[in-house]
Amino acid sequence: MAYPSPKDQIPVFFEDTSVAFASKSDAKLRKTYWLFSLMNQARVVNLGTFFIKLALKLNLPIKNLIRVTIFEQFCGGETINDCDATITMLGQSGIGTILDYSVEGEDKESSFEATAAEILKTIDKAASSKTIPFSVFKVTGVASAELLEKIQKKDPLSEEEKASYERVKERVERLCGHAHDKSVRIFVDAEESWIQGIIDDLSYEMMEKFNKDRAIVYNTYQLYRHETLEALKTAYLTARQKGYFLGGKLVRGAYMEKERLRARENEYFNPIHISKDATDIDYNLAVDFCLDHIEYIAICLGTHNEYSSQYCATKMKKLGIAQSDDRIWFAQLLGMSDNISFNLAKAGYNVAKYVPYGPINAVLPYLIRRAEENTSIAGQSSREFLLVKSELKRRGIGSL
């Protein structure tokens, strides 16, 4: 694959911290610097997450501490309305919001119904706002992961399980149908490989119903899996044959260690690429494929990777695709990679931030993963830390 040469690069300068952190006051920037300096230290993160879990288990009063530190950095609030300030702040910089209900509920029907009801509210919120371009949900938020795995393995189901799965399909169709009726695009998030097959099936069934005129339902493609690129191409051919538009969110993946461990323990072939380079190559090839077939595909690049973001923008320019083409979006998580989000938005590209929300106790697993991933991903927290440090220096203020 031919990567773009420096002379081909578009005028998006991801090092411009004045744009990346324009919305942060000096005090907030110092606080961000402090937080990422802690997240740079694996031992601190490990000890911190241990004591947070312990304190919550013992009902110690630490919620306010969580609220004004890691929760404030990575979440929009505890309710949809709490997120209004974040939605407004992002919108002022030309960045959209993707409200992400990040509560990991109990594995029971009442919890699945409550989650579905909350996702419907995010769709309604998106329909009433020009700065909320997508909604999103995880199928395991409205279905038992154990049931999904059993279905994917084609194990026999009891009558009760069959009835349960019918309710799952009804919830998924309710969400996608409501998104269609409200003209709100909706992402179906990717999950572990042992349930992703059935999630794919549900996603394509919803696309066939609701993507006749344009992409409303988007499946998520994890390019760290070696079969995903071909699966994306097959999905496109199927969509063309059946006469609907393909919606795709392109990500690298979020379950690498869990996938490798399970493959080793159960003695099956590891579905994850053997190297990051292989993942990067497939990711950029997926970008190529989607842009080459953009007439019938709508995509969102869910990535914190600067090269892939630049690669896509460069290819768009080469193909004569406008920066503002509504079929192409970029997305990053709130509190991370602001240098990518804000600089792309300033250059005229479509950008949105995932804005997680929910009660602090309920979103704690999400927050802990953010802290652990920032520590474990090579260079991620140090990258964030150095960018903030650079902006503090540019402003001529200290970090303390």
Protein backbone atom coordinates (compact mmCIF):
# COMPACT_ATOMS: atom_id res chain seq x y z
CA MET A 1 0.00 0.00 0.00
CA ALA A 2 1.36 3.43 -0.92
CA TYR A 3 1.35 5.73 2.08
CA PRO A 4 1.07 9.47 1.41
CA SER A 5 4.35 11.30 1.12
CA PRO A 6 5.00 14.56 3.03
CA LYS A 7 4.30 16.66 -0.07
CA ASP A 8 0.83 15.07 -0.27
CA GLN A 9 -0.11 15.89 3.30
CA ILE A 10 -3.18 18.02 3.87
CA PRO A 11 -2.94 21.17 5.99
CA VAL A 12 -4.01 19.54 9.25
CA PHE A 13 -1.34 20.09 11.87
CA PHE A 14 -2.02 17.82 14.83
CA GLU A 15 0.76 19.43 16.85
CA ASP A 16 -1.15 22.73 17.10
CA THR A 17 -1.94 22.70 20.82
CA SER A 18 -3.38 26.22 20.71
CA VAL A 19 -6.32 24.76 18.76
CA ALA A 20 -6.44 21.46 20.66
CA PHE A 21 -6.82 23.10 24.07
CA ALA A 22 -8.47 26.42 23.19
CA SER A 23 -11.55 25.47 25.22
CA LYS A 24 -9.56 24.79 28.41
CA SER A 25 -8.80 27.49 30.95
CA ASP A 26 -5.33 27.62 32.50
CA ALA A 27 -6.68 25.97 35.65
CA LYS A 28 -8.34 23.13 33.73
CA LEU A 29 -5.23 22.61 31.65
CA ARG A 30 -3.08 22.29 34.79
CA LYS A 31 -5.58 19.78 36.16
CA THR A 32 -5.43 17.76 32.94
CA TYR A 33 -1.64 17.85 33.10
CA TRP A 34 -1.71 16.51 36.65
CA LEU A 35 -4.17 13.73 35.76
CA PHE A 36 -2.20 12.47 32.75
CA SER A 37 1.04 12.68 34.70
CA LEU A 38 -0.48 10.19 37.16
CA MET A 39 -1.84 8.01 34.36
CA ASN A 40 1.68 7.82 32.95
CA GLN A 41 2.60 5.69 35.93
CA ALA A 42 1.27 2.14 35.77
CA ARG A 43 1.87 1.51 39.46
CA VAL A 44 -0.14 4.59 40.44
CA VAL A 45 -3.00 3.56 38.15
CA ASN A 46 -3.05 0.01 39.51
CA LEU A 47 -3.02 1.16 43.12
CA GLY A 48 -5.55 3.87 42.44
CA THR A 49 -8.09 1.60 40.77
CA PHE A 50 -7.66 -0.98 43.57
CA PHE A 51 -8.38 1.57 46.30
CA ILE A 52 -11.28 3.13 44.39
CA LYS A 53 -12.97 -0.26 44.08
CA LEU A 54 -12.30 -1.00 47.73
CA ALA A 55 -13.56 2.39 48.90
CA LEU A 56 -16.79 2.06 46.94
CA LYS A 57 -17.31 -1.46 48.24
CA LEU A 58 -16.93 -0.13 51.79
CA ASN A 59 -19.20 2.83 51.01
CA LEU A 60 -16.46 5.36 51.77
CA PRO A 61 -17.24 8.94 50.65
CA ILE A 62 -14.99 9.22 47.59
CA LYS A 63 -17.56 9.94 44.86
CA ASN A 64 -16.78 13.66 44.86
CA LEU A 65 -13.08 12.91 44.42
CA ILE A 66 -13.87 10.69 41.43
CA ARG A 67 -16.29 13.29 40.09
CA VAL A 68 -13.75 16.15 40.01
CA THR A 69 -10.89 14.05 38.59
CA ILE A 70 -11.23 11.13 36.21
CA PHE A 71 -15.04 11.44 35.79
CA GLU A 72 -14.78 15.09 34.80
CA GLN A 73 -12.02 14.28 32.28
CA PHE A 74 -13.77 11.41 30.49
CA CYS A 75 -17.52 11.83 31.09
CA GLY A 76 -20.15 14.44 30.31
CA GLY A 77 -22.22 13.96 33.46
CA GLU A 78 -24.52 11.56 35.26
CA THR A 79 -27.58 12.28 33.10
CA ILE A 80 -28.28 13.37 29.54
CA ASN A 81 -29.09 16.89 30.69
CA ASP A 82 -25.83 17.04 32.66
CA CYS A 83 -24.04 16.68 29.31
CA ASP A 84 -25.47 19.94 27.93
CA ALA A 85 -22.44 22.01 28.91
CA THR A 86 -20.10 19.56 27.17
CA ILE A 87 -22.33 19.41 24.09
CA THR A 88 -22.31 23.21 23.89
CA MET A 89 -18.55 23.48 24.44
CA LEU A 90 -17.79 20.94 21.69
CA GLY A 91 -20.33 22.48 19.35
CA GLN A 92 -18.68 25.88 19.65
CA SER A 93 -15.57 24.32 18.11
CA GLY A 94 -17.53 22.59 15.35
CA ILE A 95 -17.37 19.18 17.06
CA GLY A 96 -20.39 16.92 17.44
CA THR A 97 -21.35 14.82 20.44
CA ILE A 98 -22.15 11.11 20.55
CA LEU A 99 -24.00 10.47 23.81
CA ASP A 100 -22.76 7.12 25.12
CA TYR A 101 -24.77 5.63 27.99
CA SER A 102 -21.88 3.80 29.64
CA VAL A 103 -23.70 2.00 32.43
CA GLU A 104 -22.85 -1.69 32.56
CA GLY A 105 -26.07 -3.05 33.98
CA GLU A 106 -26.99 -6.30 35.59
CA ASP A 107 -27.70 -9.29 33.40
CA LYS A 108 -31.48 -9.26 33.75
CA GLU A 109 -34.50 -8.31 31.67
CA SER A 110 -35.43 -5.22 33.69
CA SER A 111 -31.91 -3.84 33.23
CA PHE A 112 -32.01 -4.51 29.48
CA GLU A 113 -35.33 -2.67 29.20
CA ALA A 114 -34.04 0.26 31.26
CA THR A 115 -30.98 0.55 29.02
CA ALA A 116 -33.10 0.42 25.87
CA ALA A 117 -35.31 3.18 27.27
CA GLU A 118 -32.23 5.33 27.95
CA ILE A 119 -30.86 4.82 24.43
CA LEU A 120 -34.22 5.93 23.03
CA LYS A 121 -33.77 9.17 25.01
CA THR A 122 -30.34 9.71 23.44
CA ILE A 123 -31.92 9.30 20.00
CA ASP A 124 -34.57 11.88 20.87
CA LYS A 125 -31.86 14.23 22.15
CA ALA A 126 -29.91 13.80 18.91
CA ALA A 127 -33.01 14.46 16.84
CA SER A 128 -33.48 17.80 18.59
CA SER A 129 -29.86 18.95 18.25
CA LYS A 130 -27.76 19.86 15.23
CA THR A 131 -24.59 19.01 17.16
CA ILE A 132 -25.41 15.36 17.99
CA PRO A 133 -24.85 13.46 14.72
CA PHE A 134 -25.03 9.87 16.04
CA SER A 135 -26.45 7.65 18.76
CA VAL A 136 -24.79 4.43 19.90
CA PHE A 137 -25.52 1.24 21.81
CA LYS A 138 -23.95 -2.08 22.71
CA VAL A 139 -26.04 -5.17 22.09
CA THR A 140 -24.90 -6.55 25.47
CA GLY A 141 -26.60 -3.54 27.02
CA VAL A 142 -29.94 -4.98 25.89
CA ALA A 143 -29.11 -8.69 25.78
CA SER A 144 -27.40 -11.40 27.79
CA ALA A 145 -23.84 -12.01 26.59
CA GLU A 146 -24.23 -15.65 27.62
CA LEU A 147 -27.33 -16.00 25.44
CA LEU A 148 -25.61 -14.32 22.48
CA GLU A 149 -22.65 -16.65 22.78
CA LYS A 150 -24.92 -19.69 22.89
CA ILE A 151 -26.72 -18.53 19.74
CA GLN A 152 -23.45 -17.86 17.91
CA LYS A 153 -22.23 -21.36 18.80
CA LYS A 154 -25.57 -22.70 17.50
CA ASP A 155 -26.24 -24.49 20.77
CA PRO A 156 -29.83 -25.64 21.35
CA LEU A 157 -31.98 -23.07 23.14
CA SER A 158 -34.64 -23.69 25.73
CA GLU A 159 -38.11 -22.24 25.14
CA GLU A 160 -37.32 -19.53 27.69
CA GLU A 161 -34.09 -18.66 25.88
CA LYS A 162 -35.90 -18.52 22.54
CA ALA A 163 -38.40 -16.09 24.03
CA SER A 164 -35.57 -14.06 25.54
CA TYR A 165 -33.85 -13.78 22.17
CA GLU A 166 -37.07 -12.62 20.54
CA ARG A 167 -37.14 -9.81 23.09
CA VAL A 168 -33.51 -8.99 22.23
CA LYS A 169 -34.37 -8.68 18.53
CA GLU A 170 -37.39 -6.55 19.38
CA ARG A 171 -35.23 -4.16 21.46
CA VAL A 172 -32.61 -3.86 18.73
CA GLU A 173 -35.28 -3.18 16.11
CA ARG A 174 -36.99 -0.70 18.42
CA LEU A 175 -33.75 1.27 18.75
CA CYS A 176 -32.82 1.17 15.08
CA GLY A 177 -36.39 1.83 13.96
CA HIS A 178 -36.68 4.84 16.25
CA ALA A 179 -33.35 6.15 14.93
CA HIS A 180 -34.67 5.75 11.39
CA ASP A 181 -37.94 7.52 12.20
CA LYS A 182 -36.02 10.40 13.80
CA SER A 183 -33.37 10.51 11.00
CA VAL A 184 -30.59 9.86 13.54
CA ARG A 185 -27.67 7.64 12.60
CA ILE A 186 -26.91 4.91 15.13
CA PHE A 187 -23.77 2.87 15.80
CA VAL A 188 -23.93 -0.76 16.90
CA ASP A 189 -20.74 -1.13 18.93
CA ALA A 190 -18.37 -4.05 18.43
CA GLU A 191 -17.77 -6.62 21.15
CA GLU A 192 -15.82 -9.85 21.73
CA SER A 193 -15.32 -12.26 18.83
CA TRP A 194 -17.35 -15.04 20.47
CA ILE A 195 -20.49 -12.88 20.25
CA GLN A 196 -19.57 -10.53 17.39
CA GLY A 197 -20.93 -12.88 14.74
CA ILE A 198 -24.48 -12.68 16.05
CA ILE A 199 -24.11 -8.90 16.54
CA ASP A 200 -23.06 -8.63 12.88
CA ASP A 201 -26.13 -10.62 11.85
CA LEU A 202 -28.44 -8.33 13.80
CA SER A 203 -26.71 -5.23 12.39
CA TYR A 204 -27.07 -6.35 8.78
CA GLU A 205 -30.69 -7.28 9.34
CA MET A 206 -31.31 -3.75 10.63
CA MET A 207 -29.38 -2.22 7.71
CA GLU A 208 -31.51 -4.10 5.23
CA LYS A 209 -34.63 -2.66 6.90
CA PHE A 210 -33.53 0.90 7.59
CA ASN A 211 -30.65 1.78 5.23
CA LYS A 212 -32.63 1.82 1.99
CA ASP A 213 -32.24 5.55 1.36
CA ARG A 214 -29.03 6.29 3.31
CA ALA A 215 -26.91 4.80 6.06
CA ILE A 216 -28.77 5.00 9.37
CA VAL A 217 -27.47 1.83 11.07
CA TYR A 218 -23.69 1.44 11.28
CA ASN A 219 -21.95 -1.81 12.18
CA THR A 220 -18.52 -1.59 13.83
CA TYR A 221 -15.45 -3.21 12.25
CA GLN A 222 -12.51 -4.13 14.49
CA LEU A 223 -9.50 -4.11 12.19
CA TYR A 224 -7.21 -5.76 14.73
CA ARG A 225 -8.93 -9.00 13.75
CA HIS A 226 -7.32 -10.59 10.70
CA GLU A 227 -10.61 -11.50 8.98
CA THR A 228 -12.33 -8.12 9.39
CA LEU A 229 -11.11 -6.44 6.19
CA GLU A 230 -12.54 -9.23 4.05
CA ALA A 231 -15.72 -9.21 6.16
CA LEU A 232 -16.11 -5.49 5.40
CA LYS A 233 -15.73 -6.11 1.67
CA THR A 234 -18.24 -8.97 1.78
CA ALA A 235 -20.69 -6.80 3.72
CA TYR A 236 -20.43 -4.15 1.01
CA LEU A 237 -21.15 -6.68 -1.76
CA THR A 238 -24.14 -8.03 0.17
CA ALA A 239 -25.47 -4.52 0.71
CA ARG A 240 -25.20 -3.77 -3.00
CA GLN A 241 -26.94 -7.03 -3.92
CA LYS A 242 -29.79 -6.38 -1.48
CA GLY A 243 -30.06 -2.69 -2.28
CA TYR A 244 -29.13 -0.88 0.92
CA PHE A 245 -26.35 1.43 2.04
CA LEU A 246 -23.56 0.12 4.26
CA GLY A 247 -22.74 2.05 7.43
CA GLY A 248 -19.37 1.28 9.00
CA LYS A 249 -17.51 2.53 12.03
CA LEU A 250 -13.84 1.61 11.64
CA VAL A 251 -11.92 0.93 14.84
CA ARG A 252 -8.80 -0.98 15.71
CA GLY A 253 -10.29 -2.90 18.63
CA ALA A 254 -10.74 -2.94 22.39
CA TYR A 255 -10.48 -6.54 23.61
CA MET A 256 -7.00 -7.64 22.54
CA GLU A 257 -5.74 -9.15 25.80
CA LYS A 258 -9.05 -10.83 26.54
CA GLU A 259 -9.16 -12.29 23.00
CA ARG A 260 -5.61 -13.64 23.15
CA LEU A 261 -6.08 -15.16 26.60
CA ARG A 262 -9.31 -16.91 25.66
CA ALA A 263 -7.82 -18.25 22.41
CA ARG A 264 -4.87 -19.65 24.35
CA GLU A 265 -6.99 -21.18 27.10
CA ASN A 266 -9.46 -22.75 24.67
CA GLU A 267 -6.79 -23.73 22.13
CA TYR A 268 -8.21 -22.05 19.05
CA PHE A 269 -6.58 -19.76 16.52
CA ASN A 270 -6.08 -16.25 17.89
CA PRO A 271 -8.34 -13.90 15.88
CA ILE A 272 -6.08 -10.91 16.57
CA HIS A 273 -3.34 -9.79 14.18
CA ILE A 274 0.15 -10.84 15.27
CA SER A 275 1.46 -7.27 15.16
CA LYS A 276 0.30 -3.69 15.42
CA ASP A 277 1.76 -3.03 11.95
CA ALA A 278 -0.58 -5.65 10.48
CA THR A 279 -3.52 -3.97 12.19
CA ASP A 280 -2.47 -0.54 10.93
CA ILE A 281 -2.14 -1.82 7.37
CA ASP A 282 -5.61 -3.38 7.45
CA TYR A 283 -7.10 -0.25 9.00
CA ASN A 284 -5.76 1.98 6.25
CA LEU A 285 -6.77 -0.52 3.56
CA ALA A 286 -10.29 -0.42 5.02
CA VAL A 287 -10.23 3.36 4.72
CA ASP A 288 -9.10 2.98 1.09
CA PHE A 289 -11.88 0.52 0.31
CA CYS A 290 -14.62 2.64 1.88
CA LEU A 291 -13.51 5.86 0.19
CA ASP A 292 -13.21 4.08 -3.16
CA HIS A 293 -16.84 2.95 -2.75
CA ILE A 294 -18.16 6.02 -0.93
CA GLU A 295 -21.19 6.25 -3.19
CA TYR A 296 -22.75 3.37 -1.25
CA ILE A 297 -20.83 3.44 2.06
CA ALA A 298 -20.88 5.90 4.96
CA ILE A 299 -18.06 5.65 7.49
CA CYS A 300 -16.84 6.96 10.80
CA LEU A 301 -13.17 6.56 11.71
CA GLY A 302 -13.24 5.85 15.44
CA THR A 303 -9.52 6.30 16.01
CA HIS A 304 -6.92 8.08 18.12
CA ASN A 305 -4.29 7.31 15.51
CA GLU A 306 -2.88 10.46 13.92
CA TYR A 307 -1.49 8.68 10.87
CA SER A 308 -4.78 7.00 9.94
CA SER A 309 -6.65 10.29 10.42
CA GLN A 310 -4.15 12.08 8.18
CA TYR A 311 -4.20 9.17 5.72
CA CYS A 312 -7.99 9.38 5.33
CA ALA A 313 -7.96 13.16 4.93
CA THR A 314 -5.19 12.92 2.33
CA LYS A 315 -7.08 10.25 0.37
CA MET A 316 -10.23 12.38 0.48
CA LYS A 317 -8.30 15.25 -1.06
CA LYS A 318 -6.84 12.99 -3.74
CA LEU A 319 -10.31 11.71 -4.68
CA GLY A 320 -11.81 15.18 -4.67
CA ILE A 321 -14.08 14.46 -1.70
CA ALA A 322 -14.98 17.58 0.28
CA GLN A 323 -13.85 17.81 3.91
CA SER A 324 -17.47 18.36 4.93
CA ASP A 325 -18.88 15.32 3.07
CA ASP A 326 -21.47 14.00 5.51
CA ARG A 327 -20.70 10.38 4.64
CA ILE A 328 -17.29 10.62 6.33
CA TRP A 329 -16.76 11.31 10.04
CA PHE A 330 -13.94 11.09 12.54
CA ALA A 331 -14.55 10.32 16.22
CA GLN A 332 -12.51 10.24 19.41
CA LEU A 333 -13.30 9.80 23.10
CA LEU A 334 -13.99 12.80 25.30
CA GLY A 335 -10.85 13.75 27.19
CA MET A 336 -8.46 12.13 24.73
CA SER A 337 -6.76 13.10 21.45
CA ASP A 338 -8.04 16.66 21.45
CA ASN A 339 -5.17 17.49 19.12
CA ILE A 340 -6.81 15.28 16.47
CA SER A 341 -10.43 16.26 17.11
CA PHE A 342 -10.10 20.02 17.34
CA ASN A 343 -7.56 20.41 14.53
CA LEU A 344 -9.61 18.25 12.14
CA ALA A 345 -12.73 20.23 12.99
CA LYS A 346 -10.95 23.54 12.41
CA ALA A 347 -9.82 22.26 8.99
CA GLY A 348 -13.46 21.62 8.07
CA TYR A 349 -13.79 17.85 8.63
CA ASN A 350 -16.75 16.19 10.33
CA VAL A 351 -15.70 15.30 13.88
CA ALA A 352 -17.55 14.03 16.94
CA LYS A 353 -16.58 13.10 20.46
CA TYR A 354 -17.94 10.09 22.32
CA VAL A 355 -19.37 11.59 25.52
CA PRO A 356 -20.01 8.84 28.08
CA TYR A 357 -22.49 9.51 30.86
CA GLY A 358 -24.22 7.74 33.73
CA PRO A 359 -24.16 7.51 37.54
CA ILE A 360 -20.59 7.53 38.84
CA ASN A 361 -20.82 4.09 40.46
CA ALA A 362 -22.27 2.58 37.29
CA VAL A 363 -19.71 4.05 34.88
CA LEU A 364 -16.74 3.24 37.10
CA PRO A 365 -15.80 0.13 35.04
CA TYR A 366 -15.60 2.39 31.97
CA LEU A 367 -13.46 4.94 33.81
CA ILE A 368 -11.08 2.29 35.10
CA ARG A 369 -10.66 0.94 31.57
CA ARG A 370 -9.82 4.44 30.33
CA ALA A 371 -7.13 4.78 32.98
CA GLU A 372 -5.72 1.31 32.36
CA GLU A 373 -5.81 1.65 28.57
CA ASN A 374 -4.08 5.02 28.67
CA THR A 375 -1.33 3.36 30.70
CA SER A 376 -1.06 0.18 28.64
CA ILE A 377 -1.33 1.59 25.10
CA ALA A 378 2.20 2.33 23.96
CA GLY A 379 2.80 6.04 24.27
CA GLN A 380 -0.88 7.01 24.65
CA SER A 381 -0.88 8.71 28.06
CA SER A 382 2.64 10.05 27.55
CA ARG A 383 1.46 11.52 24.23
CA GLU A 384 -1.48 13.24 25.92
CA PHE A 385 0.78 14.38 28.75
CA LEU A 386 3.39 15.87 26.42
CA LEU A 387 0.78 17.74 24.38
CA VAL A 388 -0.67 19.33 27.51
CA LYS A 389 2.83 20.14 28.73
CA SER A 390 3.59 21.78 25.39
CA GLU A 391 0.46 23.95 25.61
CA LEU A 392 1.30 25.02 29.17
CA LYS A 393 4.73 26.08 27.94
CA ARG A 394 3.21 27.91 24.96
CA ARG A 395 0.93 29.84 27.33
CA GLY A 396 3.90 30.63 29.52
CA ILE A 397 2.41 29.14 32.66
CA GLY A 398 3.64 26.47 35.04
CA SER A 399 2.17 22.99 35.44
CA LEU A 400 1.55 23.27 39.17
